Amino acid sequence: MICGRPLYQYDHLVPWSEVQEHETDNIVLLCNEHHGEKTSGLLPVAQVIEANEAPANLATGLSSPLDLHYGGHDCEALIGSNVHTWPEMYDGLMTIPILIDDTPIVMFRVEDGHLLLTVQLFDEDNELLVQVVDNELVFSTEEWDVEFVGRTLTVRSAPRNIFVGMTFEPPSRIVIDHGNIWRNGIGITIRPDCIIVGQGNTMSGCSAINCTFGLATGDLPEGLGGGAFYIGSPRSDFPGASTEDRVMRIGVSHDQGSPDDDQLLKDFTDFLEHVTPDDFLRGGND
């Protein structure tokens, strides 16, 4: 509420010890730091009330950034019942468990010995709802209900309608076990037992090891190299989105302080020229 951080705790404006009840008007959301400051008296209640009337994240439409503590040289993405792993990554290397057109939905890369995670979630209208770029999480506070509890992030379009759910498991793993992923008119449905692309193409129980991408669909960037599964999918019409300038793409330069995607792609293509077929394990799709 005060700082807009996505991790928060519930607090009583008038202490619970005095009211002994949970009244909506007496409940505010505070991050752990501000909660502790209010409890200790360092943060005046008057400032909390003032901030509650105009929350910081509603003013910007975005949460404040939250650092996710990914690291090391190995990575794993469990998507539905499909596993995408790279046991030993090194500088300049990237791997993309889900790629739609030139947009990585989930991507790992290593820079200066650090594992960096990128996640981008869009709604059916191509608006960017949730974005992690190099371990920094930001999400939209407009229209959609985004909840971050513990390590689990849930996006809802209505109280009982979960759009997507994922769990961050630092230092090297991410789990997406249910939901719907959209990008540029292409839809992917994720269930605990499978991934469904388009109108009935399914992936279940597949593994991808040391692959450029796990699942790719749409129009891929030139020179991307091989991967585990490419599935064609029909594309519906989609409107132009107001969030396009924030989207990370492969092979498209932008000036937001994110990595040089052209160089990443070149480094990865050079790497692929030196691997052997034994470096890849490819499953099948239904």
Protein backbone atom coordinates (compact mmCIF):
# COMPACT_ATOMS: atom_id res chain seq x y z
CA MET A 1 0.00 0.00 0.00
CA ILE A 2 2.75 2.44 0.97
CA CYS A 3 5.54 1.08 -1.22
CA GLY A 4 3.58 -1.12 -3.67
CA ARG A 5 5.66 -4.27 -3.05
CA PRO A 6 3.84 -7.45 -4.10
CA LEU A 7 4.54 -9.28 -0.81
CA TYR A 8 2.31 -7.95 1.94
CA GLN A 9 0.74 -8.70 5.31
CA TYR A 10 -2.63 -7.75 6.77
CA ASP A 11 -2.61 -5.23 9.59
CA HIS A 12 -5.21 -3.60 11.83
CA LEU A 13 -5.21 0.19 11.93
CA VAL A 14 -6.64 0.00 15.43
CA PRO A 15 -4.75 -2.90 17.06
CA TRP A 16 -6.45 -6.29 17.31
CA SER A 17 -5.87 -6.25 21.05
CA GLU A 18 -8.27 -3.30 21.28
CA VAL A 19 -10.99 -4.26 18.78
CA GLN A 20 -10.93 -8.10 18.84
CA GLU A 21 -12.58 -8.26 15.40
CA HIS A 22 -11.77 -8.09 11.69
CA GLU A 23 -13.57 -5.11 10.16
CA THR A 24 -12.82 -4.33 6.51
CA ASP A 25 -12.39 -0.61 7.16
CA ASN A 26 -9.81 -1.40 9.84
CA ILE A 27 -7.64 -3.66 7.66
CA VAL A 28 -4.70 -2.41 5.57
CA LEU A 29 -1.98 -4.13 3.51
CA LEU A 30 1.63 -3.49 4.49
CA CYS A 31 4.91 -5.04 3.41
CA ASN A 32 6.92 -6.78 6.11
CA GLU A 33 9.17 -3.75 6.63
CA HIS A 34 6.37 -1.20 6.97
CA HIS A 35 4.31 -3.60 9.09
CA GLY A 36 7.20 -3.85 11.54
CA GLU A 37 7.70 -0.07 11.55
CA LYS A 38 4.00 0.54 12.30
CA THR A 39 4.01 -2.06 15.08
CA SER A 40 7.10 -0.52 16.67
CA GLY A 41 5.72 3.02 16.36
CA LEU A 42 8.25 4.23 13.77
CA LEU A 43 5.52 4.58 11.12
CA PRO A 44 2.68 6.85 12.31
CA VAL A 45 -0.85 5.49 11.88
CA ALA A 46 -1.85 8.80 10.23
CA GLN A 47 0.61 8.13 7.39
CA VAL A 48 -0.76 4.61 6.97
CA ILE A 49 -4.32 5.97 6.72
CA GLU A 50 -3.22 8.57 4.17
CA ALA A 51 -1.44 5.94 2.06
CA ASN A 52 -4.44 3.62 2.30
CA GLU A 53 -6.59 6.26 0.59
CA ALA A 54 -4.18 6.43 -2.37
CA PRO A 55 -2.12 3.21 -2.62
CA ALA A 56 1.23 3.57 -4.36
CA ASN A 57 0.74 0.78 -6.91
CA LEU A 58 -2.67 2.09 -8.03
CA ALA A 59 -1.08 5.44 -8.87
CA THR A 60 1.41 3.81 -11.27
CA GLY A 61 -0.65 0.81 -12.39
CA LEU A 62 2.28 -1.47 -11.49
CA SER A 63 3.65 -3.12 -8.39
CA SER A 64 7.06 -2.11 -7.13
CA PRO A 65 9.85 -4.44 -8.35
CA LEU A 66 10.62 -7.51 -6.26
CA ASP A 67 13.92 -9.36 -6.64
CA LEU A 68 13.65 -13.13 -7.01
CA HIS A 69 16.75 -14.91 -5.75
CA TYR A 70 17.68 -17.14 -8.66
CA GLY A 71 21.28 -18.19 -9.14
CA GLY A 72 23.70 -20.97 -9.98
CA HIS A 73 24.34 -22.66 -13.32
CA ASP A 74 21.47 -25.11 -13.71
CA CYS A 75 17.78 -24.48 -14.37
CA GLU A 76 14.50 -26.36 -14.54
CA ALA A 77 10.98 -25.47 -15.64
CA LEU A 78 8.09 -27.84 -14.89
CA ILE A 79 5.19 -26.84 -17.13
CA GLY A 80 2.18 -29.08 -16.81
CA SER A 81 3.77 -32.53 -16.73
CA ASN A 82 6.61 -31.48 -19.04
CA VAL A 83 10.15 -30.85 -17.79
CA HIS A 84 12.68 -28.49 -19.38
CA THR A 85 16.17 -28.63 -17.89
CA TRP A 86 19.70 -27.45 -18.53
CA PRO A 87 22.07 -29.04 -15.98
CA GLU A 88 25.12 -26.85 -16.62
CA MET A 89 24.74 -23.38 -18.12
CA TYR A 90 27.48 -20.84 -18.66
CA ASP A 91 27.83 -17.17 -19.60
CA GLY A 92 26.09 -16.14 -22.81
CA LEU A 93 23.77 -19.13 -22.82
CA MET A 94 19.98 -18.91 -22.83
CA THR A 95 17.22 -21.52 -22.93
CA ILE A 96 13.52 -20.89 -23.49
CA PRO A 97 10.98 -23.39 -22.12
CA ILE A 98 8.07 -21.58 -23.87
CA LEU A 99 8.44 -19.31 -26.91
CA ILE A 100 5.61 -17.69 -28.90
CA ASP A 101 6.79 -15.82 -32.03
CA ASP A 102 9.76 -13.75 -30.87
CA THR A 103 8.51 -13.48 -27.28
CA PRO A 104 9.94 -15.73 -24.55
CA ILE A 105 7.16 -16.62 -22.13
CA VAL A 106 9.69 -18.34 -19.87
CA MET A 107 13.45 -17.95 -20.34
CA PHE A 108 16.64 -18.63 -18.39
CA ARG A 109 20.02 -17.12 -19.20
CA VAL A 110 23.39 -16.76 -17.49
CA GLU A 111 25.37 -13.53 -17.26
CA ASP A 112 28.51 -12.98 -15.18
CA GLY A 113 27.97 -16.37 -13.57
CA HIS A 114 24.42 -15.55 -12.43
CA LEU A 115 21.26 -17.40 -13.47
CA LEU A 116 18.59 -14.93 -14.62
CA LEU A 117 14.89 -15.74 -15.04
CA THR A 118 12.44 -14.01 -17.38
CA VAL A 119 8.67 -14.66 -17.38
CA GLN A 120 6.06 -12.74 -19.40
CA LEU A 121 2.32 -13.36 -19.08
CA PHE A 122 -0.24 -11.73 -21.37
CA ASP A 123 -4.01 -11.68 -21.46
CA GLU A 124 -6.11 -12.51 -24.52
CA ASP A 125 -5.92 -8.86 -25.63
CA ASN A 126 -2.11 -9.02 -25.64
CA GLU A 127 -1.72 -6.82 -22.57
CA LEU A 128 1.28 -7.65 -20.40
CA LEU A 129 0.01 -8.64 -16.94
CA VAL A 130 3.04 -10.11 -15.18
CA GLN A 131 6.70 -9.68 -16.09
CA VAL A 132 9.91 -10.97 -14.59
CA VAL A 133 13.03 -9.62 -16.31
CA ASP A 134 16.38 -10.86 -15.01
CA ASN A 135 14.87 -11.97 -11.68
CA GLU A 136 12.92 -8.74 -11.09
CA LEU A 137 9.14 -9.23 -10.74
CA VAL A 138 6.59 -6.54 -11.64
CA PHE A 139 2.88 -7.02 -12.28
CA SER A 140 -0.08 -4.93 -13.35
CA THR A 141 -2.57 -3.76 -10.73
CA GLU A 142 -5.26 -2.90 -13.26
CA GLU A 143 -8.37 -5.04 -13.92
CA TRP A 144 -6.79 -8.39 -13.00
CA ASP A 145 -6.41 -9.78 -9.48
CA VAL A 146 -2.76 -10.71 -8.90
CA GLU A 147 -1.95 -12.48 -5.63
CA PHE A 148 1.53 -13.38 -4.45
CA VAL A 149 1.53 -15.63 -1.37
CA GLY A 150 4.73 -17.33 -0.25
CA ARG A 151 6.37 -18.49 -3.48
CA THR A 152 3.12 -18.83 -5.46
CA LEU A 153 1.81 -16.17 -7.84
CA THR A 154 -1.83 -16.46 -8.96
CA VAL A 155 -3.52 -14.28 -11.58
CA ARG A 156 -7.33 -14.25 -11.62
CA SER A 157 -9.74 -12.64 -14.08
CA ALA A 158 -12.59 -13.13 -11.55
CA PRO A 159 -12.76 -14.33 -7.92
CA ARG A 160 -13.00 -18.02 -8.87
CA ASN A 161 -11.46 -17.88 -12.35
CA ILE A 162 -7.71 -18.52 -12.19
CA PHE A 163 -5.98 -17.27 -15.34
CA VAL A 164 -2.58 -18.73 -14.48
CA GLY A 165 -0.78 -20.03 -11.42
CA MET A 166 2.97 -20.45 -10.96
CA THR A 167 5.42 -21.16 -8.18
CA PHE A 168 8.92 -19.70 -8.00
CA GLU A 169 11.40 -22.16 -6.50
CA PRO A 170 14.79 -20.41 -6.22
CA PRO A 171 17.59 -20.87 -6.87
CA SER A 172 16.85 -22.54 -10.21
CA ARG A 173 13.30 -23.89 -10.71
CA ILE A 174 9.89 -22.57 -11.77
CA VAL A 175 6.59 -24.48 -11.86
CA ILE A 176 3.54 -23.54 -13.95
CA ASP A 177 0.89 -26.18 -13.36
CA HIS A 178 -2.34 -24.57 -14.54
CA GLY A 179 -3.65 -21.64 -16.52
CA ASN A 180 -3.90 -20.01 -19.93
CA ILE A 181 -1.07 -18.28 -21.77
CA TRP A 182 -1.68 -15.92 -24.67
CA ARG A 183 0.54 -14.01 -27.05
CA ASN A 184 -0.28 -12.44 -30.44
CA GLY A 185 -3.53 -14.36 -30.81
CA ILE A 186 -2.04 -17.78 -29.96
CA GLY A 187 -3.31 -19.57 -26.87
CA ILE A 188 -1.67 -22.27 -24.73
CA THR A 189 -3.58 -24.08 -21.98
CA ILE A 190 -1.60 -25.59 -19.12
CA ARG A 191 -3.01 -28.37 -16.97
CA PRO A 192 -1.24 -30.44 -14.31
CA ASP A 193 -1.06 -33.40 -16.72
CA CYS A 194 -0.41 -31.69 -20.08
CA ILE A 195 0.01 -28.62 -22.28
CA ILE A 196 -2.56 -27.93 -25.01
CA VAL A 197 -1.56 -25.72 -27.94
CA GLY A 198 -4.20 -24.33 -30.27
CA GLN A 199 -7.05 -26.70 -30.98
CA GLY A 200 -5.99 -29.99 -29.46
CA ASN A 201 -2.21 -30.37 -29.92
CA THR A 202 -1.02 -31.80 -26.60
CA MET A 203 2.29 -32.41 -24.82
CA SER A 204 2.34 -34.71 -21.81
CA GLY A 205 5.21 -36.20 -19.84
CA CYS A 206 7.89 -34.88 -22.21
CA SER A 207 11.45 -33.92 -21.31
CA ALA A 208 13.80 -31.44 -22.95
CA ILE A 209 17.45 -31.30 -21.87
CA ASN A 210 19.98 -28.75 -23.19
CA CYS A 211 17.52 -27.46 -25.81
CA THR A 212 17.27 -23.95 -27.24
CA PHE A 213 13.55 -24.09 -26.57
CA GLY A 214 11.18 -26.59 -25.05
CA LEU A 215 7.93 -25.61 -26.77
CA ALA A 216 7.79 -23.06 -29.58
CA THR A 217 4.90 -21.91 -31.72
CA GLY A 218 4.21 -19.08 -34.15
CA ASP A 219 6.78 -17.23 -36.26
CA LEU A 220 10.18 -17.84 -34.71
CA PRO A 221 13.23 -15.53 -35.05
CA GLU A 222 15.74 -16.50 -37.73
CA GLY A 223 18.83 -18.32 -36.51
CA LEU A 224 17.27 -19.48 -33.27
CA GLY A 225 18.43 -23.05 -33.72
CA GLY A 226 16.82 -26.33 -32.75
CA GLY A 227 14.62 -27.23 -29.87
CA ALA A 228 12.45 -30.01 -28.51
CA PHE A 229 8.98 -29.27 -29.92
CA TYR A 230 7.60 -26.92 -32.54
CA ILE A 231 3.80 -26.97 -32.79
CA GLY A 232 1.90 -24.93 -35.37
CA SER A 233 -1.15 -23.14 -34.05
CA PRO A 234 -4.00 -21.06 -35.53
CA ARG A 235 -3.87 -17.41 -34.65
CA SER A 236 -6.89 -15.31 -33.78
CA ASP A 237 -7.13 -11.56 -34.28
CA PHE A 238 -5.60 -9.53 -31.48
CA PRO A 239 -5.64 -5.79 -30.75
CA GLY A 240 -2.63 -3.56 -30.35
CA ALA A 241 -1.64 -3.46 -26.68
CA SER A 242 -0.56 -0.49 -24.59
CA THR A 243 2.22 -2.51 -22.94
CA GLU A 244 4.22 -3.48 -26.05
CA ASP A 245 7.08 -1.13 -25.26
CA ARG A 246 7.84 -3.16 -22.10
CA VAL A 247 7.91 -6.58 -23.77
CA MET A 248 11.23 -8.43 -24.02
CA ARG A 249 11.68 -10.08 -27.41
CA ILE A 250 14.40 -12.27 -28.88
CA GLY A 251 16.30 -10.56 -31.69
CA VAL A 252 14.68 -7.15 -31.08
CA SER A 253 16.67 -4.37 -29.47
CA HIS A 254 15.12 -2.04 -26.94
CA ASP A 255 16.40 0.57 -24.51
CA GLN A 256 15.00 -0.56 -21.17
CA GLY A 257 18.24 -1.78 -19.65
CA SER A 258 17.49 -5.39 -20.56
CA PRO A 259 20.04 -7.66 -22.23
CA ASP A 260 21.24 -7.24 -25.81
CA ASP A 261 18.97 -9.87 -27.38
CA ASP A 262 20.82 -9.85 -30.70
CA GLN A 263 24.07 -10.74 -28.92
CA LEU A 264 22.31 -13.40 -26.85
CA LEU A 265 20.96 -14.97 -30.02
CA LYS A 266 24.39 -14.89 -31.69
CA ASP A 267 26.08 -16.45 -28.66
CA PHE A 268 23.48 -19.17 -28.54
CA THR A 269 23.69 -19.91 -32.26
CA ASP A 270 27.50 -20.20 -31.95
CA PHE A 271 27.00 -22.63 -29.08
CA LEU A 272 24.63 -24.81 -31.12
CA GLU A 273 27.28 -25.26 -33.80
CA HIS A 274 29.47 -27.10 -31.29
CA VAL A 275 27.01 -29.47 -29.61
CA THR A 276 26.36 -33.05 -30.69
CA PRO A 277 23.06 -34.94 -30.97
CA ASP A 278 23.90 -36.68 -27.70
CA ASP A 279 23.57 -33.33 -25.92
CA PHE A 280 19.82 -33.30 -26.60
CA LEU A 281 17.01 -35.44 -25.26
CA ARG A 282 13.74 -34.97 -27.05
CA GLY A 283 10.40 -36.39 -26.03
CA GLY A 284 7.33 -36.86 -28.19
CA ASN A 285 4.06 -35.01 -28.46
CA ASP A 286 0.57 -36.34 -29.06
